[in-house]
Protein backbone atom coordinates (compact mmCIF):
# COMPACT_ATOMS: atom_id res chain seq x y z
CA MET A 1 55.45 81.24 110.30
CA ASP A 2 55.90 78.04 112.32
CA MET A 3 57.92 76.48 109.50
CA ASP A 4 60.41 79.37 109.63
CA ILE A 5 60.86 78.89 113.37
CA LEU A 6 61.28 75.13 112.88
CA LYS A 7 63.93 75.68 110.18
CA PHE A 8 65.74 78.17 112.41
CA ASP A 9 65.68 75.73 115.35
CA ARG A 10 67.08 72.93 113.17
CA MET A 11 69.81 75.20 111.84
CA ALA A 12 70.68 76.41 115.35
CA THR A 13 70.85 72.81 116.58
CA ALA A 14 73.07 71.80 113.66
CA ILE A 15 75.43 74.70 114.37
CA LYS A 16 75.59 73.76 118.06
CA VAL A 17 76.38 70.13 117.21
CA LEU A 18 79.07 71.17 114.74
CA MET A 19 80.65 73.58 117.25
CA ALA A 20 80.60 70.86 119.95
CA ALA A 21 82.29 68.39 117.59
CA VAL A 22 84.97 70.91 116.59
CA GLY A 23 85.52 71.83 120.23
CA ALA A 24 85.84 68.19 121.28
CA PHE A 25 88.32 67.55 118.47
CA PHE A 26 90.36 70.65 119.34
CA VAL A 27 90.50 69.85 123.06
CA GLY A 28 91.76 66.36 122.20
CA LEU A 29 94.77 67.76 120.33
CA PRO A 30 98.15 68.00 122.04
CA GLU A 31 98.86 71.32 123.73
CA ALA A 32 101.68 72.12 121.31
CA VAL A 33 99.28 71.82 118.35
CA GLN A 34 96.71 73.99 120.11
CA PHE A 35 99.43 76.56 120.82
CA LEU A 36 100.50 76.51 117.16
CA PHE A 37 96.89 77.12 116.09
CA TRP A 38 96.46 80.11 118.43
CA MET A 39 99.80 81.63 117.44
CA GLN A 40 98.99 81.30 113.73
CA LEU A 41 95.57 82.84 114.31
CA PHE A 42 97.21 85.72 116.21
CA ASP A 43 99.71 86.15 113.35
CA VAL A 44 96.92 86.39 110.75
CA VAL A 45 94.81 88.82 112.78
CA SER A 46 97.75 91.06 113.71
CA GLY A 47 98.96 91.05 110.09
CA LEU A 48 95.53 92.08 108.82
CA LEU A 49 95.26 94.82 111.45
CA ALA A 50 98.73 96.17 110.62
CA ALA A 51 98.05 96.07 106.89
CA GLY A 52 94.70 97.76 107.40
CA LYS A 53 96.27 100.51 109.48
CA ARG A 54 98.80 101.18 106.72
CA SER A 55 96.13 100.78 104.01
CA GLU A 56 98.26 98.05 102.43
CA VAL A 57 95.85 95.11 102.48
CA ALA A 58 96.72 92.90 99.51
CA SER A 59 95.04 89.57 98.81
CA ALA A 60 98.20 88.21 97.15
CA VAL A 61 100.22 88.84 100.31
CA ALA A 62 97.46 87.35 102.48
CA ALA A 63 97.21 84.30 100.21
CA GLY A 64 100.97 83.79 100.46
CA GLY A 65 100.81 83.92 104.26
CA ILE A 66 97.88 81.51 104.39
CA ARG A 67 99.72 79.18 101.99
CA LYS A 68 102.71 79.09 104.33
CA LYS A 69 100.45 78.26 107.25
CA VAL A 70 98.84 75.43 105.29
CA TYR A 71 102.33 74.06 104.56
CA VAL A 72 103.10 74.11 108.29
CA TRP A 73 99.91 72.16 109.03
CA LEU A 74 100.72 69.66 106.27
CA LEU A 75 104.16 69.18 107.82
CA VAL A 76 102.57 68.65 111.24
CA LEU A 77 100.24 66.07 109.67
CA VAL A 78 103.13 64.24 108.00
CA VAL A 79 105.08 64.10 111.27
CA TRP A 80 101.99 62.82 113.07
CA LEU A 81 101.49 60.12 110.42
CA LEU A 82 105.13 59.03 110.66
CA GLN A 83 105.00 58.52 114.43
């Protein structure tokens, strides 16, 4: 029983450390990049909600949208590297 609690505590600590690292990285990004992230997240969530309401959820359409968002982030990365 104590081993299960110890494993859970280690996993909880690892998750907290990971979340703190991601948060610190995110806060260090320029505001425009943070804004882009939140707007893309809003776009994905609203698209899924609209598709769900119409019963038109299609993984091919979702994959195409995600692919476009990845291309945007790759472009942002290229611009950042060229600065």
